[in-house]
Amino acid sequence: MRASIARLALAGVLACASPLAAAEAINVPAPDFTLESRSGENLRLEDHRGEVVMLNFWASWCGPCRQEMPLMDELYSQYKDLGFIILAVNVDENRDEALRFLDKVPVNYPILYDPESSVSELYEVQAMPTTVMIDRNGNARYLHYGYQPGYEDEYEQQIRELVRE
């Protein structure tokens, strides 16, 4: 039986010596999914095999998401030509709330909608934002719960590591 991403992360949290760690290292296959994007097309995670994917779950009511998303946009601009993409999954039930948020916090990476939280449940999302770094082979390698200033430095370090593999 395959261990879930969340259970592996919990084991890592319990074993972690540093309370300041922003992420837990994991190595499990990332569950595939298809969601409608802001552009109206359906995007499938499996279609990004061969790229490093930053899968980010967010909500319009999430203050840390508002802080994090512009910083993620900078990372996207910097690394997209090296085989890196961000798939930002909005979990709001009402898409209009997400669109109002995006008017105030515009980003250039793909936005996906998960109004029934089916993909959020698949990934056992427990906090907003939640970020999963996925390698070119489709394995979830790092799991981040929440956001605090400085986490973007860890994101960048992990992106660089995974892009080089």
Foldseek 3Di string as FASTA:
>chain_A
DDDAPVVVQVVQCVVDPDPPDQKGFDWAFQDWDWFQWPVGDIDIPVVLQQAKEKEKEAELVDPLCLVCQVLVLVVCVVCVVLRYAYEYEYADLDVVSVVVSCVVVPHDGIYGYDPVCPSVVSNVQDAPIKIFIAANRRIGTMIGHTDDPPVSVVVNVVNVVRSVD
